[in-house]
Protein backbone atom coordinates (compact mmCIF):
# COMPACT_ATOMS: atom_id res chain seq x y z
CA MET A 1 -47.74 -18.57 -73.91
CA ASN A 2 -49.40 -15.56 -75.53
CA ILE A 3 -47.29 -12.71 -74.04
CA LEU A 4 -48.07 -8.97 -74.06
CA MET A 5 -45.15 -6.61 -73.82
CA ALA A 6 -46.00 -3.04 -73.01
CA LEU A 7 -43.73 0.07 -73.05
CA MET A 8 -43.87 3.74 -73.85
CA GLN A 9 -42.38 3.77 -77.32
CA LEU A 10 -40.00 1.90 -79.71
CA ASP A 11 -37.31 4.60 -80.33
CA ILE A 12 -33.57 4.35 -79.49
CA GLY A 13 -33.05 3.64 -75.67
CA GLY A 14 -31.98 0.81 -73.43
CA ALA A 15 -35.33 -0.29 -72.28
CA GLU A 16 -36.69 -0.32 -75.88
CA THR A 17 -33.81 -2.45 -77.20
CA HIS A 18 -34.07 -4.76 -74.12
CA VAL A 19 -37.65 -5.41 -75.06
CA VAL A 20 -36.90 -5.94 -78.71
CA GLU A 21 -34.11 -8.47 -77.96
CA LEU A 22 -36.10 -10.16 -75.33
CA SER A 23 -39.20 -10.57 -77.48
CA LYS A 24 -37.20 -11.85 -80.43
CA GLU A 25 -35.57 -14.43 -78.21
CA LEU A 26 -38.85 -15.48 -76.50
CA LYS A 27 -40.36 -15.73 -80.12
CA ARG A 28 -37.63 -18.15 -81.04
CA ARG A 29 -38.40 -20.26 -77.97
CA GLY A 30 -42.06 -20.75 -79.14
CA HIS A 31 -43.93 -17.90 -77.39
CA ASN A 32 -46.26 -15.70 -79.22
CA ILE A 33 -45.31 -12.04 -78.41
CA VAL A 34 -47.68 -9.07 -78.81
CA ILE A 35 -46.13 -5.51 -78.37
CA VAL A 36 -47.99 -2.33 -77.45
CA SER A 37 -46.31 1.20 -77.45
CA ARG A 38 -46.72 4.46 -79.16
CA GLY A 39 -44.46 3.07 -81.97
CA GLY A 40 -41.09 4.13 -83.26
CA VAL A 41 -37.99 3.06 -85.17
CA TYR A 42 -37.90 -0.50 -83.96
CA GLN A 43 -41.14 -1.45 -85.45
CA ALA A 44 -39.82 -2.60 -88.72
CA GLU A 45 -37.48 -4.94 -86.86
CA LEU A 46 -40.33 -6.48 -84.80
CA GLU A 47 -42.47 -6.92 -87.91
CA LYS A 48 -39.55 -8.64 -89.71
CA ALA A 49 -39.32 -11.16 -86.69
CA GLY A 50 -43.09 -11.77 -87.04
CA ILE A 51 -43.96 -9.94 -83.87
CA LYS A 52 -47.18 -7.95 -83.94
CA HIS A 53 -47.37 -4.50 -82.65
CA TYR A 54 -50.36 -2.32 -81.62
CA GLU A 55 -50.26 1.46 -81.09
CA ALA A 56 -51.40 3.06 -77.91
CA PRO A 57 -50.50 6.54 -76.32
CA LEU A 58 -48.41 4.91 -73.56
CA HIS A 59 -46.07 7.81 -73.56
CA SER A 60 -48.58 10.34 -72.31
CA LYS A 61 -49.67 11.26 -68.68
CA LYS A 62 -52.85 13.15 -70.02
CA PRO A 63 -55.90 11.52 -68.42
CA ALA A 64 -57.65 11.31 -71.80
CA ASP A 65 -54.66 9.52 -73.26
CA MET A 66 -54.39 7.22 -70.42
CA LEU A 67 -58.00 6.26 -70.52
CA ASN A 68 -57.67 5.57 -74.30
CA ALA A 69 -54.53 3.39 -73.60
CA LYS A 70 -56.42 1.56 -71.01
CA LYS A 71 -59.28 0.70 -73.40
CA ILE A 72 -56.83 -0.42 -76.01
CA LEU A 73 -54.94 -2.54 -73.72
CA LYS A 74 -58.08 -4.20 -72.43
CA ASN A 75 -59.25 -5.03 -75.85
CA ILE A 76 -55.92 -6.45 -76.87
CA ILE A 77 -55.66 -8.78 -73.77
CA GLU A 78 -59.11 -10.07 -74.56
CA ASN A 79 -58.74 -10.43 -78.38
CA GLU A 80 -55.22 -11.80 -78.48
CA LYS A 81 -56.16 -14.28 -75.50
CA ILE A 82 -53.05 -12.96 -73.59
CA ASP A 83 -51.82 -15.33 -70.97
CA LEU A 84 -49.34 -13.04 -69.42
CA VAL A 85 -48.51 -9.35 -69.34
CA HIS A 86 -44.96 -7.94 -69.12
CA SER A 87 -44.71 -4.22 -68.59
CA HIS A 88 -41.43 -2.12 -68.98
CA THR A 89 -42.28 1.48 -68.29
CA ARG A 90 -43.92 3.53 -65.61
CA ILE A 91 -47.11 4.70 -67.38
CA SER A 92 -47.88 1.30 -69.08
CA SER A 93 -47.30 -0.41 -65.69
CA PHE A 94 -49.68 1.94 -63.85
CA ILE A 95 -52.53 1.51 -66.33
CA LEU A 96 -51.99 -2.33 -66.61
CA GLY A 97 -51.89 -2.45 -62.76
CA LYS A 98 -55.47 -1.14 -62.74
CA LEU A 99 -56.45 -3.70 -65.40
CA HIS A 100 -54.82 -6.54 -63.49
CA LYS A 101 -56.95 -5.88 -60.50
CA LYS A 102 -60.12 -6.49 -62.49
CA MET A 103 -59.12 -9.00 -65.16
CA LYS A 104 -56.58 -11.02 -62.94
CA PHE A 105 -54.11 -11.83 -65.69
CA PRO A 106 -50.58 -12.76 -64.53
CA PHE A 107 -48.62 -9.47 -64.22
CA VAL A 108 -44.83 -9.01 -64.40
CA THR A 109 -42.84 -5.79 -64.80
CA THR A 110 -39.13 -4.92 -65.41
CA ALA A 111 -37.51 -2.06 -63.66
CA HIS A 112 -35.10 -0.39 -66.16
CA TRP A 113 -34.41 2.83 -64.16
CA ILE A 114 -35.18 4.55 -60.86
CA PHE A 115 -38.07 6.98 -60.77
CA ASP A 116 -38.78 10.16 -58.62
CA THR A 117 -40.91 9.12 -55.75
CA ARG A 118 -41.57 12.65 -54.28
CA PHE A 119 -44.89 14.44 -54.16
CA GLY A 120 -46.90 11.11 -54.11
CA LEU A 121 -45.40 10.02 -57.45
CA LYS A 122 -44.58 6.66 -56.01
CA TYR A 123 -48.32 6.00 -56.06
CA LEU A 124 -48.33 6.36 -59.91
CA THR A 125 -46.25 3.07 -60.20
CA ASP A 126 -47.21 -0.62 -60.12
CA TRP A 127 -44.56 -3.29 -60.05
CA GLY A 128 -47.00 -6.29 -60.63
CA GLN A 129 -46.90 -9.62 -58.77
CA LYS A 130 -43.20 -10.14 -59.54
CA ALA A 131 -40.58 -7.74 -60.87
CA LEU A 132 -37.32 -8.03 -62.82
CA ALA A 133 -34.54 -5.43 -62.03
CA VAL A 134 -31.72 -4.77 -64.55
CA SER A 135 -29.18 -4.13 -61.75
CA GLU A 136 -28.52 -4.76 -57.91
CA ASP A 137 -29.01 -1.12 -57.04
CA ILE A 138 -32.48 -0.94 -58.75
CA LYS A 139 -33.31 -4.14 -56.79
CA GLU A 140 -32.34 -2.11 -53.54
CA TYR A 141 -34.39 0.86 -54.75
CA LEU A 142 -37.54 -1.38 -55.18
CA MET A 143 -37.05 -2.87 -51.77
CA LYS A 144 -36.44 0.52 -50.03
CA ASN A 145 -38.98 2.71 -51.90
CA TYR A 146 -41.73 0.39 -52.57
CA LYS A 147 -41.35 -2.22 -49.79
CA MET A 148 -41.11 -4.93 -52.47
CA PRO A 149 -40.07 -8.41 -50.89
CA GLU A 150 -36.76 -9.52 -51.97
CA SER A 151 -38.30 -12.69 -52.98
CA ASP A 152 -40.45 -11.00 -55.55
CA ILE A 153 -37.48 -9.40 -57.39
CA THR A 154 -35.18 -11.05 -59.82
CA VAL A 155 -31.93 -9.35 -60.99
CA THR A 156 -31.63 -9.74 -64.74
CA VAL A 157 -29.42 -8.32 -67.49
CA ASN A 158 -29.62 -6.32 -70.81
CA GLY A 159 -28.95 -9.23 -73.02
CA ILE A 160 -26.75 -8.40 -76.06
CA ASP A 161 -26.76 -10.22 -79.36
CA VAL A 162 -23.08 -10.88 -79.63
CA GLU A 163 -23.37 -12.23 -83.17
CA LYS A 164 -24.88 -9.07 -84.46
CA PHE A 165 -22.57 -6.81 -82.26
CA SER A 166 -19.00 -8.06 -83.04
CA LYS A 167 -15.69 -6.94 -84.50
CA ASP A 168 -16.71 -8.54 -87.74
CA THR A 169 -19.46 -6.13 -88.66
CA ASP A 170 -18.88 -4.48 -91.93
CA LYS A 171 -17.76 -0.91 -91.43
CA LYS A 172 -17.84 0.15 -95.21
CA PRO A 173 -21.48 1.32 -95.30
CA VAL A 174 -21.18 3.87 -92.50
CA SER A 175 -17.61 4.81 -93.34
CA ASN A 176 -18.84 5.65 -96.86
CA GLU A 177 -21.91 7.51 -95.70
CA PHE A 178 -20.13 9.68 -93.25
CA LYS A 179 -16.90 9.90 -95.24
CA ILE A 180 -14.64 8.24 -92.61
CA SER A 181 -11.22 7.41 -93.61
CA GLN A 182 -8.89 4.64 -92.06
CA GLU A 183 -6.80 7.51 -90.75
CA ASP A 184 -9.68 9.13 -88.85
CA ASN A 185 -9.75 8.74 -85.08
CA LEU A 186 -13.48 8.24 -84.80
CA VAL A 187 -15.46 8.47 -81.61
CA VAL A 188 -19.13 7.18 -81.63
CA TYR A 189 -21.61 8.08 -79.12
CA VAL A 190 -25.13 6.56 -78.91
CA SER A 191 -28.04 7.76 -76.74
CA ARG A 192 -31.60 9.07 -76.76
CA MET A 193 -31.19 12.73 -77.20
CA ASP A 194 -33.50 13.66 -74.42
CA GLU A 195 -32.35 16.35 -71.85
CA SER A 196 -32.40 13.62 -69.21
CA ARG A 197 -29.96 11.41 -71.30
CA SER A 198 -27.77 13.74 -73.56
CA LEU A 199 -25.40 15.31 -71.05
CA ALA A 200 -22.44 13.42 -72.45
CA ALA A 201 -23.30 14.51 -75.92
CA HIS A 202 -22.88 18.11 -75.19
CA GLN A 203 -19.68 17.49 -73.36
CA LEU A 204 -18.35 15.31 -76.13
CA ILE A 205 -18.81 18.16 -78.65
CA GLU A 206 -16.82 20.56 -76.50
CA ALA A 207 -14.08 17.93 -75.82
CA ILE A 208 -13.71 17.29 -79.60
CA VAL A 209 -12.98 21.03 -80.11
CA ARG A 210 -10.50 21.07 -77.11
CA LEU A 211 -8.64 18.09 -78.65
CA ASP A 212 -8.53 19.28 -82.10
CA ASN A 213 -4.78 20.17 -81.89
CA ILE A 214 -3.86 17.10 -79.81
CA VAL A 215 -5.47 14.26 -81.52
CA GLU A 216 -5.05 14.12 -85.37
CA ASN A 217 -8.06 13.40 -87.48
CA LEU A 218 -10.43 13.42 -84.66
CA LYS A 219 -14.11 12.88 -85.65
CA CYS A 220 -17.25 12.01 -83.81
CA ILE A 221 -20.70 10.50 -84.82
CA ILE A 222 -23.53 11.34 -82.51
CA VAL A 223 -26.50 8.82 -82.82
CA GLY A 224 -29.94 9.47 -81.41
CA ASP A 225 -32.97 11.85 -81.41
CA GLY A 226 -35.20 13.27 -78.74
CA ASP A 227 -36.34 16.59 -77.12
CA ASP A 228 -32.75 17.85 -76.78
CA PHE A 229 -31.64 17.04 -80.47
CA GLU A 230 -31.90 20.63 -81.73
CA ASN A 231 -29.72 21.93 -78.82
CA VAL A 232 -27.25 19.22 -79.68
CA LYS A 233 -27.44 19.97 -83.41
CA LYS A 234 -26.90 23.70 -82.76
CA GLU A 235 -23.80 23.07 -80.78
CA ALA A 236 -22.30 20.65 -83.28
CA ASN A 237 -22.83 23.16 -86.05
CA GLU A 238 -21.11 25.88 -83.99
CA ALA A 239 -18.16 23.57 -83.21
CA ASN A 240 -17.83 22.42 -86.92
CA GLU A 241 -17.72 26.22 -87.88
CA LYS A 242 -15.16 26.90 -85.26
CA LEU A 243 -12.99 23.81 -86.41
CA GLY A 244 -13.42 24.68 -90.05
CA ARG A 245 -14.34 21.06 -90.92
CA GLU A 246 -17.11 18.36 -90.49
CA ALA A 247 -15.67 16.82 -87.18
CA ILE A 248 -19.06 16.25 -85.44
CA LEU A 249 -21.60 14.22 -87.50
CA LEU A 250 -25.13 13.71 -86.42
CA ALA A 251 -26.85 10.49 -87.61
CA GLY A 252 -30.24 11.16 -85.84
CA ALA A 253 -32.52 8.08 -84.82
CA ARG A 254 -31.21 4.97 -86.28
CA VAL A 255 -31.67 1.12 -85.66
CA ASP A 256 -28.33 -0.08 -87.41
CA ILE A 257 -26.39 0.62 -84.36
CA ASP A 258 -24.09 -2.45 -84.99
CA LYS A 259 -23.04 -0.69 -88.31
CA LEU A 260 -22.58 2.71 -86.80
CA ILE A 261 -20.36 1.33 -84.11
CA ALA A 262 -18.13 -0.67 -86.57
CA PRO A 263 -15.78 2.05 -87.76
CA ALA A 264 -15.30 3.49 -84.34
CA LYS A 265 -11.96 3.49 -82.53
CA LEU A 266 -13.51 4.54 -79.33
CA PHE A 267 -17.08 4.62 -77.90
CA VAL A 268 -18.69 6.93 -75.35
CA GLY A 269 -22.02 6.06 -73.61
CA VAL A 270 -23.61 4.12 -70.78
CA SER A 271 -25.83 1.14 -70.20
CA ARG A 272 -26.83 -1.00 -73.20
CA ALA A 273 -25.30 1.18 -75.77
CA ALA A 274 -21.96 0.78 -73.98
CA LEU A 275 -22.52 -2.92 -73.77
CA GLU A 276 -23.34 -3.19 -77.44
CA ALA A 277 -19.93 -1.36 -78.19
CA MET A 278 -18.05 -3.56 -75.79
CA ALA A 279 -19.48 -6.76 -77.65
CA SER A 280 -18.05 -5.27 -80.84
CA GLU A 281 -14.60 -5.06 -79.07
CA LYS A 282 -14.58 -1.17 -79.09
CA PRO A 283 -12.81 0.41 -76.18
CA THR A 284 -15.60 2.28 -74.21
CA ILE A 285 -15.67 5.48 -72.05
CA ILE A 286 -18.54 5.02 -69.67
CA ALA A 287 -20.14 8.36 -69.23
CA GLY A 288 -23.71 9.77 -68.90
CA ASN A 289 -26.17 11.73 -66.95
CA GLU A 290 -26.01 9.53 -63.85
CA GLY A 291 -22.28 9.48 -63.48
CA TYR A 292 -18.74 8.80 -64.96
CA VAL A 293 -16.09 6.05 -64.66
CA GLY A 294 -14.06 6.80 -67.80
CA LEU A 295 -12.30 4.19 -69.89
CA PHE A 296 -13.62 0.70 -69.05
CA SER A 297 -11.07 -1.66 -67.86
CA GLU A 298 -10.98 -4.54 -65.12
CA ASP A 299 -10.79 -2.04 -62.00
CA LYS A 300 -14.12 -0.43 -63.27
CA LEU A 301 -16.05 -3.73 -63.50
CA PRO A 302 -17.53 -3.92 -59.90
CA VAL A 303 -19.21 -0.46 -59.97
CA CYS A 304 -20.33 -1.01 -63.70
CA LEU A 305 -21.89 -4.41 -62.73
CA GLU A 306 -23.71 -2.95 -59.71
CA THR A 307 -25.37 -0.15 -61.61
CA ASN A 308 -25.89 -1.93 -65.12
CA PHE A 309 -23.25 0.38 -66.52
CA CYS A 310 -25.40 3.49 -65.58
CA LEU A 311 -23.00 4.67 -62.91
CA ARG A 312 -25.60 5.93 -60.33
CA GLY A 313 -23.70 7.31 -57.30
CA CYS A 314 -20.29 7.77 -59.17
CA GLU A 315 -18.76 11.22 -59.73
CA MET A 316 -20.48 13.28 -62.36
CA SER A 317 -19.44 13.41 -66.00
CA THR A 318 -17.65 16.51 -66.96
CA THR A 319 -16.10 17.92 -70.14
CA ASP A 320 -12.66 17.97 -68.50
CA LEU A 321 -12.87 14.24 -67.50
CA LEU A 322 -14.03 13.20 -71.01
CA ALA A 323 -11.46 15.28 -72.79
CA GLN A 324 -8.77 13.99 -70.63
CA ASP A 325 -9.74 10.24 -71.22
CA ILE A 326 -10.29 10.66 -74.94
CA GLY A 327 -6.77 12.22 -75.22
CA ALA A 328 -5.34 9.48 -73.06
CA PHE A 329 -6.83 6.73 -75.02
CA PHE A 330 -5.43 7.97 -78.39
CA GLY A 331 -2.11 8.17 -76.84
CA LEU A 332 -2.03 4.41 -75.94
CA TRP A 333 -0.23 1.96 -78.10
CA GLU A 334 -2.47 0.19 -80.64
CA GLU A 335 -2.00 -3.14 -78.97
CA ASP A 336 -3.14 -1.65 -75.53
CA GLN A 337 -6.23 -0.24 -77.35
CA GLU A 338 -6.97 -3.70 -78.64
CA LYS A 339 -6.70 -5.32 -75.26
CA LEU A 340 -9.32 -2.86 -73.89
CA GLY A 341 -11.66 -3.78 -76.55
CA LYS A 342 -11.16 -7.59 -76.11
CA TYR A 343 -11.65 -7.37 -72.42
CA GLY A 344 -14.94 -5.53 -72.95
CA ARG A 345 -16.30 -8.35 -75.24
CA GLU A 346 -15.19 -10.98 -72.68
CA ILE A 347 -17.33 -9.19 -69.88
CA VAL A 348 -20.35 -9.13 -72.29
CA LEU A 349 -20.06 -12.85 -73.13
CA LYS A 350 -19.69 -13.70 -69.45
CA HIS A 351 -22.40 -11.50 -67.83
CA TYR A 352 -24.84 -10.19 -70.58
CA SER A 353 -26.08 -12.98 -72.93
CA VAL A 354 -29.53 -12.84 -74.56
CA LYS A 355 -30.08 -16.39 -73.29
CA ARG A 356 -29.52 -15.33 -69.57
CA MET A 357 -32.13 -12.56 -70.10
CA ALA A 358 -34.72 -14.79 -71.49
CA ASP A 359 -34.01 -17.46 -68.90
CA ASP A 360 -34.60 -14.91 -66.18
CA ALA A 361 -37.93 -13.78 -67.76
CA GLU A 362 -39.18 -17.38 -68.17
CA LYS A 363 -38.27 -18.09 -64.64
CA VAL A 364 -40.43 -15.13 -63.42
CA TYR A 365 -43.19 -15.97 -65.85
CA LYS A 366 -43.40 -19.68 -64.36
CA GLU A 367 -43.60 -18.24 -60.87
CA VAL A 368 -46.64 -15.89 -61.54
CA MET A 369 -48.37 -18.61 -63.63
CA GLU A 370 -48.04 -20.98 -60.67
CA GLU A 371 -49.39 -18.51 -58.41
CA LYS A 372 -52.49 -18.05 -60.53
CA ALA A 373 -53.01 -21.83 -60.74
């Protein structure tokens, strides 16, 4: 089929990486994929995979931008002879919902997150004919807040490329770039540096300062960019000045996440970033704006599966919790650290394959195509 994928942007983020990996796998299966967004760092990877990208202001709620985006989307659907549209973000789904009513194309959405439904905002959302949800709690959210029938929702996963993300990834390029030695106890954190996502970045900086006299050679690489980046940068600079060394390193927006994870002894993050680190056999502290469960182990699995490793409803992340768990991790025997890493990869292999993600999407595509017929 000719499939249109629509989302806000192609910068670092769970939904963005989900779309990139899903599109590449569907392309391998013989589908023609066209992507529309405002653009971003993942464009080059898509072009390398032979996937066409169009730019449209799908990040903006301004009426003029939304009207412009609607016109661009309509032209693409007509000119590319699109068979099915798959939208992944709120603004794109709202605009495409309006087009769907007139153009009657098969329309699918994926719910990657929960949105504010107050003040009439729920009416600015369209979930299409069928929806995929990346966790059970998001499925419940769709049923409760949008009265979607359970039969119209399929729970899917954030599929991880376990060949790309593995313990065999070469750590030398990033170690050389950031002057990381074998003796360094490196923590890596990956997230979009937006205020709604960057809480753990601020807490991690403070935690590194607190642990300076407890954990030897403690360093941290923070990866990502966004509207809170300058605040994170300011705190990192202040922390480094206080410590008298470059302990906290900022990588900015990058797409070589597999290589940035490679030299880490410990990872901090949530959702897809956490799963990528786990696939790389890196022990992982699950912490973010939505909640905190600490160092991932077998007893943490149920709540992580339920919330797609986003921890909605869990206790909130704090600097105290983060510092405590980082310190405790580096106090473990090396063999116990390795066991945690191996368990994480086992969970990704079992529950979060790219194949499962693409299978789920194709199943829903078939359902909406049959409805049209």
